[in-house]
Amino acid sequence: MIVLHHLAYSRSTRVLCALEELGVDYELKSYERTQAFKAPAELADIHPLGKSPVIEDDGLVVAESSVILEYLNARYGDGRLAPPADTRERIAHDEWLQFVESTAGFSIMMTAIAASRGGLPEALEGWAAPVRRKMLETIAGGVGDGPFLFGDAFTLADIQMSYILAMAGHAGLLEDHPEVRAYLERIVHHPSFARALDIGGPMTPPKS
């Protein structure tokens, strides 16, 4: 049976959603963050990075959300949470999947983390603001009339997108992007994602 090591307020909600969407049996091992909002030391006993999400499956230990999502979809979903292989749509899907934590993630996550510490320094905010805007406008353009990135199909790319958009919303970055906010709402109200939130708790911490 798959074991998901799930950290509170973290990206591992995405993996929990995929497991629920695929109807896979799994064991959930939950961890609370430290007072410094760090992952607890015992996660390093599971994977050298000491982070979450991490899954264990038949002796295999895997970290990194996109890799885990693709693994679960290939092994347990017969690929149904992505467009068919060797199609243009699959290339576009995989581009979105990587975009989340590479091109889009840095400016959004940096700002979201800094929001709880008084915000970014002025010079850094001057660089980050137009980059964030471009990232969010790119997402809005990709969704279009939606409801998801690939129309009615709920894919790994939508699941992967959830966390950075939740963090962006938590930091108030979606106020000027109602179409992105609406897209996030559709993701989190999708049945499997709603179950994941019920089971694993919210992706973002309470506002102080």
N, C-alpha and C. Protein backbone atom coordinates (compact mmCIF):
# COMPACT_ATOMS: atom_id res chain seq x y z
N MET A 1 0.84 -1.20 0.00
CA MET A 1 0.00 0.00 0.00
C MET A 1 0.87 1.25 0.00
N ILE A 2 0.44 2.27 -0.72
CA ILE A 2 1.15 3.54 -0.76
C ILE A 2 1.05 4.22 0.60
N VAL A 3 2.16 4.77 1.04
CA VAL A 3 2.19 5.60 2.24
C VAL A 3 2.50 7.03 1.80
N LEU A 4 1.63 7.96 2.15
CA LEU A 4 1.88 9.37 1.88
C LEU A 4 2.27 10.05 3.17
N HIS A 5 3.45 10.65 3.17
CA HIS A 5 3.92 11.44 4.31
C HIS A 5 3.48 12.88 4.06
N HIS A 6 2.50 13.29 4.83
CA HIS A 6 1.79 14.55 4.59
C HIS A 6 2.11 15.56 5.68
N LEU A 7 2.61 16.71 5.26
CA LEU A 7 2.95 17.79 6.18
C LEU A 7 1.84 18.83 6.17
N ALA A 8 1.47 19.32 7.32
CA ALA A 8 0.44 20.34 7.41
C ALA A 8 0.83 21.58 6.61
N TYR A 9 -0.15 22.19 5.96
CA TYR A 9 0.04 23.42 5.19
C TYR A 9 1.15 23.25 4.14
N SER A 10 0.98 22.29 3.28
CA SER A 10 2.07 22.02 2.34
C SER A 10 1.57 21.53 1.00
N ARG A 11 2.52 21.34 0.11
CA ARG A 11 2.25 20.86 -1.24
C ARG A 11 1.70 19.44 -1.27
N SER A 12 1.81 18.71 -0.18
CA SER A 12 1.39 17.31 -0.22
C SER A 12 -0.11 17.16 -0.36
N THR A 13 -0.88 18.24 -0.17
CA THR A 13 -2.31 18.18 -0.46
C THR A 13 -2.55 17.77 -1.91
N ARG A 14 -1.64 18.19 -2.80
CA ARG A 14 -1.77 17.84 -4.21
C ARG A 14 -1.72 16.33 -4.42
N VAL A 15 -0.82 15.67 -3.73
CA VAL A 15 -0.71 14.21 -3.85
C VAL A 15 -1.93 13.54 -3.24
N LEU A 16 -2.39 14.06 -2.13
CA LEU A 16 -3.59 13.53 -1.50
C LEU A 16 -4.78 13.62 -2.44
N CYS A 17 -4.90 14.73 -3.16
CA CYS A 17 -5.96 14.88 -4.15
C CYS A 17 -5.84 13.83 -5.24
N ALA A 18 -4.64 13.61 -5.77
CA ALA A 18 -4.45 12.63 -6.83
C ALA A 18 -4.83 11.23 -6.37
N LEU A 19 -4.46 10.88 -5.14
CA LEU A 19 -4.83 9.57 -4.60
C LEU A 19 -6.34 9.42 -4.50
N GLU A 20 -7.00 10.48 -4.04
CA GLU A 20 -8.46 10.45 -3.95
C GLU A 20 -9.10 10.39 -5.34
N GLU A 21 -8.56 11.16 -6.28
CA GLU A 21 -9.11 11.17 -7.64
C GLU A 21 -8.97 9.80 -8.31
N LEU A 22 -7.86 9.14 -8.06
CA LEU A 22 -7.59 7.84 -8.68
C LEU A 22 -8.23 6.68 -7.93
N GLY A 23 -8.71 6.95 -6.72
CA GLY A 23 -9.33 5.88 -5.93
C GLY A 23 -8.34 4.84 -5.45
N VAL A 24 -7.12 5.29 -5.15
CA VAL A 24 -6.05 4.37 -4.74
C VAL A 24 -6.08 4.21 -3.22
N ASP A 25 -5.91 2.98 -2.75
CA ASP A 25 -5.77 2.76 -1.31
C ASP A 25 -4.44 3.32 -0.84
N TYR A 26 -4.46 4.00 0.27
CA TYR A 26 -3.21 4.58 0.79
C TYR A 26 -3.29 4.72 2.30
N GLU A 27 -2.12 4.83 2.89
CA GLU A 27 -2.00 5.14 4.31
C GLU A 27 -1.47 6.56 4.44
N LEU A 28 -2.08 7.35 5.28
CA LEU A 28 -1.66 8.74 5.48
C LEU A 28 -0.92 8.86 6.79
N LYS A 29 0.31 9.35 6.71
CA LYS A 29 1.08 9.68 7.91
C LYS A 29 1.25 11.19 7.94
N SER A 30 0.64 11.82 8.93
CA SER A 30 0.60 13.28 9.00
C SER A 30 1.63 13.81 9.98
N TYR A 31 2.17 14.97 9.64
CA TYR A 31 3.20 15.63 10.45
C TYR A 31 2.81 17.09 10.66
N GLU A 32 3.04 17.57 11.86
CA GLU A 32 2.82 18.99 12.15
C GLU A 32 4.12 19.76 11.96
N ARG A 33 4.01 21.01 11.64
CA ARG A 33 5.19 21.86 11.50
C ARG A 33 5.72 22.26 12.88
N THR A 34 6.99 22.61 12.93
CA THR A 34 7.59 23.07 14.17
C THR A 34 7.14 24.51 14.47
N GLN A 35 7.52 25.02 15.62
CA GLN A 35 7.18 26.40 15.98
C GLN A 35 7.79 27.39 15.00
N ALA A 36 8.89 27.01 14.36
CA ALA A 36 9.51 27.86 13.34
C ALA A 36 8.92 27.61 11.95
N PHE A 37 7.82 26.86 11.88
CA PHE A 37 7.11 26.53 10.66
C PHE A 37 7.96 25.68 9.71
N LYS A 38 8.84 24.89 10.28
CA LYS A 38 9.67 23.98 9.50
C LYS A 38 9.07 22.57 9.53
N ALA A 39 9.52 21.75 8.58
CA ALA A 39 9.16 20.34 8.62
C ALA A 39 9.86 19.68 9.79
N PRO A 40 9.24 18.73 10.47
CA PRO A 40 9.88 18.08 11.61
C PRO A 40 11.06 17.21 11.16
N ALA A 41 11.99 17.01 12.07
CA ALA A 41 13.23 16.30 11.75
C ALA A 41 12.97 14.87 11.28
N GLU A 42 11.88 14.24 11.75
CA GLU A 42 11.67 12.83 11.40
C GLU A 42 11.39 12.61 9.92
N LEU A 43 11.01 13.64 9.19
CA LEU A 43 10.83 13.47 7.75
C LEU A 43 12.15 13.15 7.05
N ALA A 44 13.25 13.59 7.63
CA ALA A 44 14.56 13.28 7.05
C ALA A 44 14.88 11.79 7.17
N ASP A 45 14.17 11.08 8.04
CA ASP A 45 14.36 9.63 8.13
C ASP A 45 13.70 8.92 6.96
N ILE A 46 12.77 9.60 6.30
CA ILE A 46 12.06 9.00 5.17
C ILE A 46 12.79 9.30 3.86
N HIS A 47 13.22 10.56 3.69
CA HIS A 47 13.91 11.00 2.48
C HIS A 47 14.97 12.01 2.88
N PRO A 48 16.15 11.98 2.25
CA PRO A 48 17.24 12.88 2.65
C PRO A 48 16.88 14.36 2.63
N LEU A 49 15.93 14.75 1.79
CA LEU A 49 15.55 16.16 1.73
C LEU A 49 14.77 16.60 2.96
N GLY A 50 14.20 15.65 3.68
CA GLY A 50 13.46 15.99 4.89
C GLY A 50 12.25 16.86 4.62
N LYS A 51 11.57 16.61 3.53
CA LYS A 51 10.46 17.46 3.13
C LYS A 51 9.24 16.62 2.79
N SER A 52 8.16 17.29 2.48
CA SER A 52 6.92 16.64 2.08
C SER A 52 6.38 17.39 0.86
N PRO A 53 5.76 16.67 -0.08
CA PRO A 53 5.32 15.29 0.00
C PRO A 53 6.42 14.28 -0.30
N VAL A 54 6.25 13.13 0.31
CA VAL A 54 7.05 11.95 0.01
C VAL A 54 6.09 10.77 0.03
N ILE A 55 6.24 9.86 -0.93
CA ILE A 55 5.47 8.63 -0.88
C ILE A 55 6.42 7.44 -0.80
N GLU A 56 5.92 6.37 -0.21
CA GLU A 56 6.59 5.07 -0.24
C GLU A 56 5.63 4.10 -0.91
N ASP A 57 6.16 3.33 -1.85
CA ASP A 57 5.33 2.37 -2.58
C ASP A 57 6.17 1.17 -2.96
N ASP A 58 5.92 0.06 -2.30
CA ASP A 58 6.62 -1.19 -2.62
C ASP A 58 8.14 -1.00 -2.59
N GLY A 59 8.63 -0.31 -1.57
CA GLY A 59 10.07 -0.11 -1.41
C GLY A 59 10.63 1.09 -2.13
N LEU A 60 9.82 1.72 -2.97
CA LEU A 60 10.25 2.91 -3.69
C LEU A 60 9.89 4.14 -2.87
N VAL A 61 10.83 5.08 -2.73
CA VAL A 61 10.60 6.32 -2.01
C VAL A 61 10.76 7.46 -3.01
N VAL A 62 9.71 8.30 -3.13
CA VAL A 62 9.70 9.35 -4.15
C VAL A 62 9.31 10.67 -3.52
N ALA A 63 10.09 11.72 -3.80
CA ALA A 63 9.76 13.09 -3.42
C ALA A 63 9.48 13.88 -4.70
N GLU A 64 9.14 15.15 -4.52
CA GLU A 64 8.82 16.11 -5.59
C GLU A 64 7.43 15.86 -6.16
N SER A 65 6.58 16.86 -5.99
CA SER A 65 5.16 16.70 -6.33
C SER A 65 4.92 16.24 -7.76
N SER A 66 5.55 16.89 -8.73
CA SER A 66 5.24 16.56 -10.12
C SER A 66 5.65 15.13 -10.45
N VAL A 67 6.77 14.68 -9.90
CA VAL A 67 7.22 13.31 -10.15
C VAL A 67 6.25 12.31 -9.51
N ILE A 68 5.83 12.61 -8.29
CA ILE A 68 4.87 11.73 -7.61
C ILE A 68 3.56 11.67 -8.39
N LEU A 69 3.07 12.84 -8.81
CA LEU A 69 1.80 12.86 -9.56
C LEU A 69 1.89 12.04 -10.84
N GLU A 70 2.98 12.21 -11.57
CA GLU A 70 3.13 11.45 -12.81
C GLU A 70 3.26 9.95 -12.54
N TYR A 71 3.97 9.61 -11.48
CA TYR A 71 4.12 8.20 -11.11
C TYR A 71 2.77 7.57 -10.78
N LEU A 72 1.99 8.24 -9.95
CA LEU A 72 0.69 7.71 -9.56
C LEU A 72 -0.23 7.57 -10.77
N ASN A 73 -0.21 8.58 -11.63
CA ASN A 73 -1.07 8.55 -12.81
C ASN A 73 -0.70 7.41 -13.75
N ALA A 74 0.61 7.18 -13.93
CA ALA A 74 1.06 6.11 -14.83
C ALA A 74 0.80 4.73 -14.24
N ARG A 75 1.09 4.57 -12.94
CA ARG A 75 0.99 3.23 -12.36
C ARG A 75 -0.43 2.86 -11.96
N TYR A 76 -1.18 3.83 -11.47
CA TYR A 76 -2.50 3.52 -10.91
C TYR A 76 -3.67 4.13 -11.68
N GLY A 77 -3.38 5.06 -12.60
CA GLY A 77 -4.47 5.73 -13.30
C GLY A 77 -4.53 5.45 -14.77
N ASP A 78 -3.63 4.59 -15.27
CA ASP A 78 -3.58 4.30 -16.71
C ASP A 78 -3.48 5.60 -17.52
N GLY A 79 -2.83 6.60 -16.91
CA GLY A 79 -2.58 7.86 -17.61
C GLY A 79 -3.77 8.77 -17.78
N ARG A 80 -4.88 8.50 -17.09
CA ARG A 80 -6.12 9.23 -17.39
C ARG A 80 -6.14 10.67 -16.88
N LEU A 81 -5.20 11.05 -16.02
CA LEU A 81 -5.19 12.42 -15.52
C LEU A 81 -4.26 13.33 -16.33
N ALA A 82 -3.98 12.94 -17.56
CA ALA A 82 -3.19 13.76 -18.49
C ALA A 82 -3.65 13.40 -19.90
N PRO A 83 -3.44 14.30 -20.85
CA PRO A 83 -3.78 13.95 -22.24
C PRO A 83 -2.94 12.76 -22.72
N PRO A 84 -3.37 12.09 -23.77
CA PRO A 84 -2.63 10.92 -24.25
C PRO A 84 -1.19 11.26 -24.62
N ALA A 85 -0.31 10.30 -24.38
CA ALA A 85 1.10 10.47 -24.75
C ALA A 85 1.24 10.70 -26.25
N ASP A 86 2.32 11.38 -26.62
CA ASP A 86 2.63 11.62 -28.03
C ASP A 86 1.59 12.49 -28.74
N THR A 87 0.97 13.39 -27.96
CA THR A 87 0.06 14.36 -28.56
C THR A 87 0.54 15.76 -28.21
N ARG A 88 0.10 16.73 -29.00
CA ARG A 88 0.44 18.12 -28.71
C ARG A 88 -0.13 18.53 -27.35
N GLU A 89 -1.31 18.03 -27.03
CA GLU A 89 -1.93 18.37 -25.75
C GLU A 89 -1.09 17.86 -24.58
N ARG A 90 -0.45 16.69 -24.76
CA ARG A 90 0.39 16.16 -23.68
C ARG A 90 1.61 17.04 -23.48
N ILE A 91 2.20 17.51 -24.56
CA ILE A 91 3.34 18.42 -24.42
C ILE A 91 2.92 19.68 -23.68
N ALA A 92 1.76 20.23 -24.07
CA ALA A 92 1.26 21.44 -23.39
C ALA A 92 0.99 21.15 -21.92
N HIS A 93 0.42 19.99 -21.63
CA HIS A 93 0.14 19.62 -20.24
C HIS A 93 1.43 19.54 -19.42
N ASP A 94 2.43 18.86 -19.96
CA ASP A 94 3.67 18.68 -19.22
C ASP A 94 4.41 20.01 -19.06
N GLU A 95 4.22 20.92 -20.02
CA GLU A 95 4.80 22.25 -19.87
C GLU A 95 4.16 22.97 -18.69
N TRP A 96 2.84 22.90 -18.57
CA TRP A 96 2.17 23.50 -17.41
C TRP A 96 2.64 22.85 -16.11
N LEU A 97 2.80 21.54 -16.14
CA LEU A 97 3.19 20.81 -14.94
C LEU A 97 4.53 21.31 -14.41
N GLN A 98 5.48 21.58 -15.31
CA GLN A 98 6.79 22.07 -14.91
C GLN A 98 6.78 23.58 -14.63
N PHE A 99 5.95 24.31 -15.34
CA PHE A 99 5.83 25.76 -15.17
C PHE A 99 5.53 26.14 -13.73
N VAL A 100 4.72 25.36 -13.06
CA VAL A 100 4.24 25.71 -11.73
C VAL A 100 5.39 25.95 -10.76
N GLU A 101 6.31 25.01 -10.67
CA GLU A 101 7.37 25.14 -9.66
C GLU A 101 8.67 25.71 -10.22
N SER A 102 8.68 26.01 -11.51
CA SER A 102 9.90 26.60 -12.08
C SER A 102 9.65 28.06 -12.41
N THR A 103 9.08 28.35 -13.55
CA THR A 103 8.88 29.73 -13.98
C THR A 103 7.96 30.50 -13.06
N ALA A 104 6.82 29.94 -12.69
CA ALA A 104 5.83 30.67 -11.91
C ALA A 104 6.13 30.71 -10.42
N GLY A 105 6.71 29.64 -9.92
CA GLY A 105 6.78 29.47 -8.48
C GLY A 105 7.62 30.48 -7.74
N PHE A 106 8.74 30.89 -8.30
CA PHE A 106 9.70 31.68 -7.53
C PHE A 106 9.12 33.01 -7.07
N SER A 107 8.62 33.81 -8.01
CA SER A 107 8.15 35.15 -7.63
C SER A 107 6.92 35.08 -6.74
N ILE A 108 6.03 34.13 -7.01
CA ILE A 108 4.82 34.01 -6.20
C ILE A 108 5.14 33.52 -4.80
N MET A 109 5.93 32.47 -4.69
CA MET A 109 6.23 31.92 -3.37
C MET A 109 7.08 32.88 -2.55
N MET A 110 8.02 33.55 -3.19
CA MET A 110 8.85 34.53 -2.47
C MET A 110 7.98 35.62 -1.87
N THR A 111 7.03 36.11 -2.63
CA THR A 111 6.14 37.16 -2.15
C THR A 111 5.22 36.64 -1.05
N ALA A 112 4.69 35.44 -1.25
CA ALA A 112 3.77 34.88 -0.26
C ALA A 112 4.46 34.65 1.08
N ILE A 113 5.67 34.15 1.03
CA ILE A 113 6.41 33.92 2.27
C ILE A 113 6.76 35.24 2.95
N ALA A 114 7.15 36.22 2.14
CA ALA A 114 7.52 37.52 2.70
C ALA A 114 6.33 38.27 3.28
N ALA A 115 5.12 37.94 2.80
CA ALA A 115 3.93 38.66 3.26
C ALA A 115 3.74 38.54 4.76
N SER A 116 4.13 37.41 5.34
CA SER A 116 3.99 37.22 6.79
C SER A 116 5.11 37.88 7.57
N ARG A 117 6.06 38.46 6.85
CA ARG A 117 7.20 39.11 7.50
C ARG A 117 7.30 40.59 7.12
N GLY A 118 6.17 41.14 6.76
CA GLY A 118 6.16 42.56 6.44
C GLY A 118 6.32 42.89 4.98
N GLY A 119 6.43 41.89 4.12
CA GLY A 119 6.54 42.13 2.69
C GLY A 119 7.97 42.18 2.19
N LEU A 120 8.10 42.25 0.87
CA LEU A 120 9.42 42.30 0.25
C LEU A 120 10.02 43.70 0.37
N PRO A 121 11.34 43.80 0.41
CA PRO A 121 11.98 45.11 0.32
C PRO A 121 11.56 45.81 -0.97
N GLU A 122 11.55 47.13 -0.96
CA GLU A 122 11.01 47.89 -2.08
C GLU A 122 11.67 47.53 -3.40
N ALA A 123 12.98 47.43 -3.40
CA ALA A 123 13.68 47.14 -4.66
C ALA A 123 13.31 45.76 -5.19
N LEU A 124 13.19 44.79 -4.30
CA LEU A 124 12.84 43.44 -4.72
C LEU A 124 11.39 43.37 -5.18
N GLU A 125 10.52 44.09 -4.51
CA GLU A 125 9.12 44.15 -4.92
C GLU A 125 9.00 44.77 -6.30
N GLY A 126 9.84 45.74 -6.59
CA GLY A 126 9.82 46.36 -7.91
C GLY A 126 10.14 45.37 -9.02
N TRP A 127 11.00 44.40 -8.70
CA TRP A 127 11.29 43.34 -9.68
C TRP A 127 10.18 42.30 -9.70
N ALA A 128 9.68 41.91 -8.52
CA ALA A 128 8.75 40.78 -8.43
C ALA A 128 7.37 41.10 -8.97
N ALA A 129 6.89 42.33 -8.77
CA ALA A 129 5.51 42.66 -9.12
C ALA A 129 5.19 42.40 -10.60
N PRO A 130 5.97 42.90 -11.54
CA PRO A 130 5.64 42.63 -12.94
C PRO A 130 5.81 41.16 -13.32
N VAL A 131 6.74 40.48 -12.66
CA VAL A 131 6.93 39.05 -12.94
C VAL A 131 5.70 38.26 -12.48
N ARG A 132 5.23 38.56 -11.25
CA ARG A 132 4.02 37.89 -10.74
C ARG A 132 2.84 38.15 -11.66
N ARG A 133 2.70 39.41 -12.06
CA ARG A 133 1.57 39.75 -12.91
C ARG A 133 1.60 38.96 -14.21
N LYS A 134 2.79 38.84 -14.79
CA LYS A 134 2.92 38.08 -16.03
C LYS A 134 2.58 36.60 -15.80
N MET A 135 3.03 36.04 -14.68
CA MET A 135 2.73 34.64 -14.39
C MET A 135 1.23 34.42 -14.25
N LEU A 136 0.56 35.29 -13.50
CA LEU A 136 -0.87 35.13 -13.26
C LEU A 136 -1.68 35.37 -14.53
N GLU A 137 -1.24 36.33 -15.34
CA GLU A 137 -1.92 36.55 -16.62
C GLU A 137 -1.73 35.36 -17.56
N THR A 138 -0.56 34.73 -17.49
CA THR A 138 -0.31 33.54 -18.30
C THR A 138 -1.23 32.40 -17.89
N ILE A 139 -1.42 32.23 -16.59
CA ILE A 139 -2.32 31.19 -16.09
C ILE A 139 -3.75 31.48 -16.53
N ALA A 140 -4.17 32.73 -16.39
CA ALA A 140 -5.52 33.10 -16.80
C ALA A 140 -5.73 32.82 -18.28
N GLY A 141 -4.75 33.16 -19.09
CA GLY A 141 -4.86 32.90 -20.52
C GLY A 141 -4.90 31.43 -20.83
N GLY A 142 -4.16 30.63 -20.07
CA GLY A 142 -4.16 29.18 -20.29
C GLY A 142 -5.50 28.55 -19.96
N VAL A 143 -6.14 29.04 -18.91
CA VAL A 143 -7.44 28.49 -18.51
C VAL A 143 -8.52 28.93 -19.50
N GLY A 144 -8.45 30.19 -19.92
CA GLY A 144 -9.46 30.69 -20.85
C GLY A 144 -10.86 30.53 -20.30
N ASP A 145 -11.75 29.92 -21.09
CA ASP A 145 -13.12 29.70 -20.65
C ASP A 145 -13.24 28.50 -19.72
N GLY A 146 -12.15 27.75 -19.57
CA GLY A 146 -12.09 26.66 -18.59
C GLY A 146 -13.13 25.57 -18.80
N PRO A 147 -13.52 24.96 -17.70
CA PRO A 147 -13.23 25.40 -16.34
C PRO A 147 -11.79 25.13 -15.87
N PHE A 148 -11.10 24.21 -16.56
CA PHE A 148 -9.73 23.87 -16.17
C PHE A 148 -8.79 24.14 -17.35
N LEU A 149 -7.53 23.84 -17.17
CA LEU A 149 -6.54 24.13 -18.22
C LEU A 149 -6.84 23.42 -19.52
N PHE A 150 -7.45 22.24 -19.43
CA PHE A 150 -7.79 21.47 -20.63
C PHE A 150 -9.30 21.24 -20.69
N GLY A 151 -10.00 22.37 -20.58
CA GLY A 151 -11.45 22.32 -20.68
C GLY A 151 -12.07 21.63 -19.48
N ASP A 152 -12.94 20.66 -19.74
CA ASP A 152 -13.64 19.96 -18.65
C ASP A 152 -12.76 18.94 -17.95
N ALA A 153 -11.63 18.57 -18.56
CA ALA A 153 -10.76 17.54 -17.98
C ALA A 153 -9.99 18.11 -16.79
N PHE A 154 -10.07 17.41 -15.67
CA PHE A 154 -9.31 17.76 -14.47
C PHE A 154 -8.02 16.96 -14.51
N THR A 155 -6.89 17.64 -14.65
CA THR A 155 -5.62 16.95 -14.92
C THR A 155 -4.60 17.18 -13.81
N LEU A 156 -3.49 16.48 -13.96
CA LEU A 156 -2.37 16.69 -13.04
C LEU A 156 -1.93 18.14 -13.00
N ALA A 157 -1.98 18.82 -14.13
CA ALA A 157 -1.54 20.21 -14.19
C ALA A 157 -2.41 21.09 -13.30
N ASP A 158 -3.71 20.84 -13.26
CA ASP A 158 -4.59 21.60 -12.37
C ASP A 158 -4.27 21.30 -10.91
N ILE A 159 -4.06 20.03 -10.61
CA ILE A 159 -3.70 19.65 -9.24
C ILE A 159 -2.40 20.33 -8.83
N GLN A 160 -1.42 20.31 -9.71
CA GLN A 160 -0.12 20.91 -9.42
C GLN A 160 -0.25 22.43 -9.22
N MET A 161 -1.14 23.06 -9.96
CA MET A 161 -1.30 24.50 -9.89
C MET A 161 -1.89 24.96 -8.56
N SER A 162 -2.59 24.09 -7.87
CA SER A 162 -3.39 24.49 -6.72
C SER A 162 -2.59 25.19 -5.63
N TYR A 163 -1.43 24.66 -5.29
CA TYR A 163 -0.72 25.16 -4.11
C TYR A 163 -0.21 26.58 -4.31
N ILE A 164 0.44 26.86 -5.44
CA ILE A 164 0.97 28.21 -5.59
C ILE A 164 -0.16 29.23 -5.71
N LEU A 165 -1.29 28.82 -6.28
CA LEU A 165 -2.42 29.75 -6.35
C LEU A 165 -3.03 29.96 -4.97
N ALA A 166 -3.08 28.91 -4.17
CA ALA A 166 -3.57 29.08 -2.79
C ALA A 166 -2.65 30.02 -2.01
N MET A 167 -1.35 29.87 -2.20
CA MET A 167 -0.40 30.76 -1.52
C MET A 167 -0.53 32.19 -2.05
N ALA A 168 -0.75 32.33 -3.34
CA ALA A 168 -0.95 33.66 -3.92
C ALA A 168 -2.20 34.30 -3.34
N GLY A 169 -3.27 33.53 -3.23
CA GLY A 169 -4.49 34.07 -2.64
C GLY A 169 -4.30 34.43 -1.18
N HIS A 170 -3.56 33.60 -0.46
CA HIS A 170 -3.30 33.85 0.95
C HIS A 170 -2.56 35.17 1.14
N ALA A 171 -1.72 35.53 0.18
CA ALA A 171 -0.95 36.77 0.25
C ALA A 171 -1.66 37.95 -0.39
N GLY A 172 -2.90 37.74 -0.85
CA GLY A 172 -3.66 38.82 -1.46
C GLY A 172 -3.28 39.13 -2.89
N LEU A 173 -2.60 38.22 -3.55
CA LEU A 173 -2.11 38.48 -4.90
C LEU A 173 -3.16 38.23 -5.98
N LEU A 174 -4.30 37.67 -5.61
CA LEU A 174 -5.31 37.37 -6.61
C LEU A 174 -6.43 38.41 -6.66
N GLU A 175 -6.30 39.45 -5.85
CA GLU A 175 -7.36 40.46 -5.82
C GLU A 175 -7.56 41.11 -7.19
N ASP A 176 -6.47 41.29 -7.91
CA ASP A 176 -6.56 41.91 -9.24
C ASP A 176 -6.66 40.88 -10.36
N HIS A 177 -6.84 39.62 -9.98
CA HIS A 177 -6.91 38.55 -10.97
C HIS A 177 -8.12 37.66 -10.67
N PRO A 178 -9.33 38.20 -10.80
CA PRO A 178 -10.52 37.43 -10.42
C PRO A 178 -10.69 36.14 -11.22
N GLU A 179 -10.21 36.13 -12.46
CA GLU A 179 -10.35 34.92 -13.26
C GLU A 179 -9.46 33.79 -12.72
N VAL A 180 -8.30 34.15 -12.18
CA VAL A 180 -7.43 33.15 -11.57
C VAL A 180 -8.01 32.70 -10.24
N ARG A 181 -8.55 33.64 -9.48
CA ARG A 181 -9.20 33.29 -8.21
C ARG A 181 -10.36 32.32 -8.45
N ALA A 182 -11.13 32.58 -9.51
CA ALA A 182 -12.25 31.69 -9.83
C ALA A 182 -11.75 30.30 -10.24
N TYR A 183 -10.64 30.26 -10.97
CA TYR A 183 -10.04 28.97 -11.36
C TYR A 183 -9.62 28.20 -10.11
N LEU A 184 -8.97 28.87 -9.16
CA LEU A 184 -8.58 28.20 -7.93
C LEU A 184 -9.80 27.66 -7.19
N GLU A 185 -10.87 28.43 -7.15
CA GLU A 185 -12.09 27.97 -6.49
C GLU A 185 -12.62 26.71 -7.15
N ARG A 186 -12.56 26.65 -8.46
CA ARG A 186 -13.03 25.44 -9.15
C ARG A 186 -12.16 24.24 -8.81
N ILE A 187 -10.86 24.46 -8.69
CA ILE A 187 -9.96 23.35 -8.32
C ILE A 187 -10.31 22.84 -6.92
N VAL A 188 -10.37 23.74 -5.94
CA VAL A 188 -10.53 23.29 -4.56
C VAL A 188 -11.92 22.74 -4.28
N HIS A 189 -12.90 23.06 -5.14
CA HIS A 189 -14.23 22.50 -4.98
C HIS A 189 -14.46 21.25 -5.83
N HIS A 190 -13.46 20.88 -6.63
CA HIS A 190 -13.57 19.60 -7.34
C HIS A 190 -13.67 18.49 -6.27
N PRO A 191 -14.52 17.49 -6.46
CA PRO A 191 -14.79 16.53 -5.38
C PRO A 191 -13.56 15.91 -4.74
N SER A 192 -12.61 15.46 -5.54
CA SER A 192 -11.43 14.81 -4.96
C SER A 192 -10.56 15.80 -4.20
N PHE A 193 -10.51 17.05 -4.67
CA PHE A 193 -9.71 18.04 -3.95
C PHE A 193 -10.40 18.44 -2.65
N ALA A 194 -11.72 18.56 -2.70
CA ALA A 194 -12.45 18.87 -1.47
C ALA A 194 -12.23 17.77 -0.43
N ARG A 195 -12.22 16.51 -0.87
CA ARG A 195 -11.95 15.42 0.08
C ARG A 195 -10.54 15.52 0.63
N ALA A 196 -9.58 15.86 -0.22
CA ALA A 196 -8.19 15.99 0.23
C ALA A 196 -8.07 17.06 1.31
N LEU A 197 -8.77 18.17 1.13
CA LEU A 197 -8.73 19.23 2.13
C LEU A 197 -9.41 18.80 3.43
N ASP A 198 -10.48 18.04 3.32
CA ASP A 198 -11.15 17.54 4.51
C ASP A 198 -10.24 16.59 5.29
N ILE A 199 -9.50 15.78 4.56
CA ILE A 199 -8.64 14.77 5.20
C ILE A 199 -7.35 15.38 5.71
N GLY A 200 -6.70 16.20 4.88
CA GLY A 200 -5.36 16.68 5.21
C GLY A 200 -5.28 18.08 5.75
N GLY A 201 -6.40 18.81 5.75
CA GLY A 201 -6.40 20.17 6.24
C GLY A 201 -6.04 21.17 5.14
N PRO A 202 -6.12 22.46 5.45
CA PRO A 202 -5.91 23.51 4.45
C PRO A 202 -4.47 23.56 3.94
N MET A 203 -4.31 24.11 2.75
CA MET A 203 -2.96 24.26 2.18
C MET A 203 -2.21 25.43 2.79
N THR A 204 -2.93 26.44 3.25
CA THR A 204 -2.28 27.64 3.77
C THR A 204 -2.57 27.79 5.26
N PRO A 205 -1.64 28.36 6.00
CA PRO A 205 -1.84 28.52 7.44
C PRO A 205 -2.83 29.62 7.75
N PRO A 206 -3.38 29.62 8.97
CA PRO A 206 -4.29 30.70 9.36
C PRO A 206 -3.55 32.04 9.30
N LYS A 207 -4.26 33.08 8.91
CA LYS A 207 -3.66 34.40 8.89
C LYS A 207 -3.54 34.93 10.30
N SER A 208 -2.39 35.50 10.60
CA SER A 208 -2.16 36.01 11.96
C SER A 208 -2.82 37.37 12.13
